């Protein structure tokens, strides 16, 4: 299994997961046209996707989901709360999931949804598994729960949010109400929270840590990396950053 970030940040998020002939899109926070262009940078055609998994209904995660699903007749897996938000338009093939169900199998990939604390109607994140790999995703969460730690303790690769540096957020341009939302228990993970979480789940078999959802106003790649490496020095050689405006390389799960 391998995966690639098609872009990550407050202006749009999408991740591609591939195993054999199975290709899954996790979120689509870009327009369908831009998503197709980003896929093409990896040599992937949108019509080759097997479906879309949606974490929650915020625009930076769903902007292109409806159009893409309709254009290519793709199934969309999402929670009832996300669907009920009515921000996706008509979806031709809806597959309802929830954060406490057993894993589902899509093509050659076993997919497990799990709940996260975020200011959305019924947000989830995902773990993707094959016989050889286990890729966990954790973004858009304001708090680390014991269940999150349990879900992501044995991953071979991890896509992890480092959204903000607390000092930069407080001293930055955002109004107080927005600062409180971001730093709150239903907001986004700070560098410090991500580092503390990494200490709990790090193990020798974690081959790749990919840092995601870095705020362009309230964080820097240097601060995010420093926090993670200080917490777990052994991760330095396995650490990679995503970018809002660029498609990443492929990462092995």
Protein backbone atom coordinates (compact mmCIF):
# COMPACT_ATOMS: atom_id res chain seq x y z
CA UNK A 1 0.00 0.00 0.00
CA UNK A 2 1.12 3.55 -0.72
CA UNK A 3 -0.39 6.99 -0.28
CA UNK A 4 0.16 10.57 -1.39
CA UNK A 5 -1.07 13.95 -0.27
CA UNK A 6 -2.72 15.93 -3.05
CA UNK A 7 -2.56 19.01 -0.84
CA UNK A 8 -3.09 19.69 2.85
CA UNK A 9 -4.08 22.84 4.71
CA UNK A 10 -6.93 25.22 5.39
CA UNK A 11 -7.48 25.86 1.65
CA UNK A 12 -8.00 22.22 0.70
CA UNK A 13 -7.23 18.64 1.68
CA UNK A 14 -7.16 15.37 -0.25
CA UNK A 15 -5.18 12.15 0.12
CA UNK A 16 -4.85 9.26 -2.32
CA UNK A 17 -4.49 5.69 -1.02
CA UNK A 18 -3.53 2.88 -3.38
CA UNK A 19 -3.10 -0.85 -2.99
CA UNK A 20 -2.81 -2.98 -6.10
CA UNK A 21 -5.63 -1.89 -8.40
CA UNK A 22 -7.60 -0.23 -5.58
CA UNK A 23 -7.49 3.57 -5.45
CA UNK A 24 -9.35 5.50 -2.77
CA UNK A 25 -9.63 9.24 -2.30
CA UNK A 26 -9.79 10.52 1.27
CA UNK A 27 -11.63 13.86 1.19
CA UNK A 28 -11.69 16.31 -1.72
CA UNK A 29 -11.32 19.88 -0.55
CA UNK A 30 -10.42 21.14 -4.03
CA UNK A 31 -12.66 21.74 -7.01
CA UNK A 32 -13.11 18.65 -9.14
CA UNK A 33 -11.09 20.24 -11.93
CA UNK A 34 -8.15 21.03 -9.65
CA UNK A 35 -8.34 17.57 -8.09
CA UNK A 36 -8.09 15.98 -11.53
CA UNK A 37 -5.06 18.14 -12.29
CA UNK A 38 -3.39 17.11 -9.05
CA UNK A 39 -4.12 13.44 -9.68
CA UNK A 40 -2.59 13.80 -13.14
CA UNK A 41 0.68 14.92 -11.52
CA UNK A 42 0.87 11.39 -10.11
CA UNK A 43 -0.18 9.83 -13.40
CA UNK A 44 -3.62 8.93 -12.04
CA UNK A 45 -6.93 9.43 -13.84
CA UNK A 46 -9.97 10.31 -11.72
CA UNK A 47 -12.08 7.67 -13.44
CA UNK A 48 -9.75 5.00 -12.01
CA UNK A 49 -10.81 5.83 -8.44
CA UNK A 50 -12.86 3.22 -6.58
CA UNK A 51 -14.56 5.77 -4.35
CA UNK A 52 -14.30 8.66 -1.92
CA UNK A 53 -14.17 8.56 1.86
CA UNK A 54 -15.23 11.74 3.67
CA UNK A 55 -14.09 12.73 7.16
CA UNK A 56 -16.51 15.64 7.76
CA UNK A 57 -18.44 18.39 6.04
CA UNK A 58 -16.08 21.40 6.24
CA UNK A 59 -15.40 22.97 2.86
CA UNK A 60 -11.66 22.33 2.90
CA UNK A 61 -12.52 18.61 2.89
CA UNK A 62 -15.64 18.35 0.70
CA UNK A 63 -15.47 21.14 -1.89
CA UNK A 64 -15.18 18.79 -4.87
CA UNK A 65 -16.74 15.62 -3.50
CA UNK A 66 -20.21 16.03 -4.98
CA UNK A 67 -19.08 17.03 -8.47
CA UNK A 68 -16.43 14.31 -8.60
CA UNK A 69 -18.88 11.64 -7.41
CA UNK A 70 -21.49 12.65 -9.96
CA UNK A 71 -19.04 13.04 -12.84
CA UNK A 72 -17.46 9.61 -12.39
CA UNK A 73 -20.31 7.77 -10.62
CA UNK A 74 -18.16 7.16 -7.58
CA UNK A 75 -19.47 5.71 -4.32
CA UNK A 76 -19.01 8.00 -1.32
CA UNK A 77 -18.54 6.67 2.21
CA UNK A 78 -19.55 9.16 4.91
CA UNK A 79 -21.38 9.39 8.21
CA UNK A 80 -25.05 10.23 8.52
CA UNK A 81 -24.11 13.50 10.24
CA UNK A 82 -21.88 14.53 7.35
CA UNK A 83 -24.57 13.66 4.82
CA UNK A 84 -27.24 15.50 6.84
CA UNK A 85 -25.23 18.72 6.59
CA UNK A 86 -26.54 18.91 3.00
CA UNK A 87 -23.36 20.52 1.68
CA UNK A 88 -22.54 17.89 -0.91
CA UNK A 89 -25.45 18.10 -3.30
CA UNK A 90 -26.83 14.92 -4.81
CA UNK A 91 -24.59 11.87 -4.37
CA UNK A 92 -25.49 9.00 -6.74
CA UNK A 93 -24.09 6.24 -4.53
CA UNK A 94 -24.12 6.94 -0.78
CA UNK A 95 -22.54 4.45 1.64
CA UNK A 96 -23.32 5.34 5.26
CA UNK A 97 -20.66 4.54 7.87
CA UNK A 98 -20.14 5.43 11.52
CA UNK A 99 -17.23 5.63 13.88
CA UNK A 100 -17.95 2.50 15.90
CA UNK A 101 -18.66 -0.07 13.22
CA UNK A 102 -16.48 -2.97 12.19
CA UNK A 103 -14.01 -2.48 9.36
CA UNK A 104 -15.24 -2.53 5.77
CA UNK A 105 -13.35 -3.86 2.77
CA UNK A 106 -13.06 -1.76 -0.39
CA UNK A 107 -11.25 -3.59 -3.14
CA UNK A 108 -7.99 -4.76 -1.61
CA UNK A 109 -8.06 -2.38 1.38
CA UNK A 110 -9.58 -2.87 4.81
CA UNK A 111 -10.92 0.46 6.09
CA UNK A 112 -11.82 1.32 9.67
CA UNK A 113 -13.48 4.60 10.62
CA UNK A 114 -13.10 6.00 14.13
CA UNK A 115 -14.62 9.09 15.80
CA UNK A 116 -12.64 12.25 16.50
CA UNK A 117 -13.50 15.38 18.52
CA UNK A 118 -14.01 18.18 16.00
CA UNK A 119 -16.62 20.89 15.46
CA UNK A 120 -18.54 19.01 12.78
CA UNK A 121 -21.74 16.95 12.86
CA UNK A 122 -20.27 13.43 12.98
CA UNK A 123 -16.56 13.56 12.12
CA UNK A 124 -14.42 10.47 11.66
CA UNK A 125 -10.90 9.60 10.62
CA UNK A 126 -9.63 6.37 9.10
CA UNK A 127 -7.16 3.51 9.27
CA UNK A 128 -6.28 1.71 6.02
CA UNK A 129 -4.90 -1.83 6.16
CA UNK A 130 -3.54 -4.56 3.94
CA UNK A 131 -1.67 -7.71 4.89
CA UNK A 132 1.61 -5.77 4.71
CA UNK A 133 0.75 -2.25 5.91
CA UNK A 134 -1.37 -0.18 8.28
CA UNK A 135 -1.77 3.53 7.48
CA UNK A 136 -3.45 5.76 10.05
CA UNK A 137 -4.81 9.26 9.51
CA UNK A 138 -5.36 11.85 12.25
CA UNK A 139 -6.26 15.41 11.32
CA UNK A 140 -9.03 17.79 12.34
CA UNK A 141 -9.15 16.77 15.98
CA UNK A 142 -9.02 19.09 18.97
CA UNK A 143 -8.23 16.47 21.60
CA UNK A 144 -6.37 13.17 21.78
CA UNK A 145 -8.62 10.50 23.26
CA UNK A 146 -7.62 7.05 24.54
CA UNK A 147 -9.57 5.52 21.65
CA UNK A 148 -7.52 7.50 19.12
CA UNK A 149 -4.32 6.25 20.74
CA UNK A 150 -5.64 2.70 20.63
CA UNK A 151 -6.62 2.98 16.96
CA UNK A 152 -3.26 4.35 15.84
CA UNK A 153 -0.81 2.52 18.10
CA UNK A 154 0.35 -0.08 15.58
CA UNK A 155 0.60 1.82 12.31
CA UNK A 156 3.37 1.35 9.79
CA UNK A 157 2.71 4.89 8.49
CA UNK A 158 0.91 7.85 9.98
CA UNK A 159 -0.53 11.05 8.51
CA UNK A 160 -0.63 13.43 11.48
CA UNK A 161 -1.92 16.98 11.90
CA UNK A 162 0.36 19.67 13.30
CA UNK A 163 -1.98 22.58 12.73
CA UNK A 164 -0.66 25.40 14.89
CA UNK A 165 1.98 26.64 17.26
CA UNK A 166 0.21 27.96 20.34
CA UNK A 167 2.31 31.13 20.63
CA UNK A 168 1.97 31.97 16.94
CA UNK A 169 -1.79 31.47 17.17
CA UNK A 170 -2.14 33.79 20.17
CA UNK A 171 0.07 36.46 18.64
CA UNK A 172 -1.27 36.08 15.11
CA UNK A 173 -3.95 37.90 13.09
CA UNK A 174 -6.94 35.71 13.89
CA UNK A 175 -9.74 37.16 16.07
CA UNK A 176 -10.06 35.79 19.58
CA UNK A 177 -13.16 33.73 18.80
CA UNK A 178 -11.41 31.94 15.94
CA UNK A 179 -8.29 31.40 18.07
CA UNK A 180 -10.43 29.75 20.72
CA UNK A 181 -12.14 27.55 18.15
CA UNK A 182 -8.84 26.35 16.67
CA UNK A 183 -7.19 25.72 20.04
CA UNK A 184 -10.33 24.30 21.66
CA UNK A 185 -11.23 20.71 22.41
CA UNK A 186 -13.15 20.47 19.12
CA UNK A 187 -10.57 22.31 17.03
CA UNK A 188 -7.19 21.30 15.63
CA UNK A 189 -4.07 19.67 17.05
CA UNK A 190 -1.21 21.95 18.06
CA UNK A 191 2.41 20.98 17.56
CA UNK A 192 2.61 20.17 21.27
CA UNK A 193 -0.48 17.95 21.20
CA UNK A 194 0.79 16.10 18.13
CA UNK A 195 4.19 15.58 19.77
CA UNK A 196 2.62 14.20 22.96
CA UNK A 197 0.47 11.88 20.88
CA UNK A 198 3.49 10.70 18.88
CA UNK A 199 5.27 9.79 22.11
CA UNK A 200 2.37 7.49 22.96
CA UNK A 201 2.11 5.67 19.62
CA UNK A 202 5.71 5.63 18.41
CA UNK A 203 7.24 2.20 17.84
CA UNK A 204 10.09 0.80 15.76
CA UNK A 205 7.68 -0.39 13.08
CA UNK A 206 6.47 3.15 12.30
CA UNK A 207 8.29 3.60 9.02
CA UNK A 208 6.85 6.94 7.92
CA UNK A 209 5.39 10.00 9.64
CA UNK A 210 3.77 12.52 7.28
CA UNK A 211 2.88 15.89 8.82
CA UNK A 212 -0.37 17.42 7.55
CA UNK A 213 -2.72 20.42 7.87
CA UNK A 214 0.01 22.90 8.84
CA UNK A 215 -1.47 26.40 9.20
CA UNK A 216 0.11 28.97 6.92
CA UNK A 217 -0.61 31.77 9.42
CA UNK A 218 -0.17 30.07 12.79
CA UNK A 219 2.65 27.58 12.31
CA UNK A 220 5.81 26.84 10.40
CA UNK A 221 7.31 23.59 9.11
CA UNK A 222 10.37 24.21 11.27
CA UNK A 223 8.36 24.51 14.48
CA UNK A 224 6.28 21.43 13.69
CA UNK A 225 9.35 19.32 12.97
CA UNK A 226 11.16 20.60 16.06
CA UNK A 227 8.27 19.62 18.33
CA UNK A 228 8.00 16.11 16.90
CA UNK A 229 11.74 15.41 16.84
CA UNK A 230 12.18 16.75 20.38
CA UNK A 231 9.48 14.35 21.56
CA UNK A 232 10.77 11.37 19.55
CA UNK A 233 14.33 11.93 18.26
CA UNK A 234 14.27 8.62 16.38
CA UNK A 235 11.57 9.89 14.02
CA UNK A 236 13.79 12.45 12.29
CA UNK A 237 14.78 10.22 9.37
CA UNK A 238 11.20 9.06 8.79
CA UNK A 239 9.55 12.49 8.88
CA UNK A 240 8.06 14.25 5.83
CA UNK A 241 5.95 17.40 5.48
CA UNK A 242 2.95 17.92 3.22
CA UNK A 243 2.23 21.21 1.47
CA UNK A 244 -0.94 23.13 0.63
CA UNK A 245 0.05 23.94 -2.94
CA UNK A 246 1.98 20.86 -4.03
CA UNK A 247 1.31 17.18 -4.53
CA UNK A 248 3.60 15.04 -2.43
CA UNK A 249 5.67 12.07 -3.47
CA UNK A 250 4.28 8.58 -2.92
CA UNK A 251 4.80 7.27 0.60
CA UNK A 252 5.01 3.54 1.26
CA UNK A 253 2.60 2.30 3.90
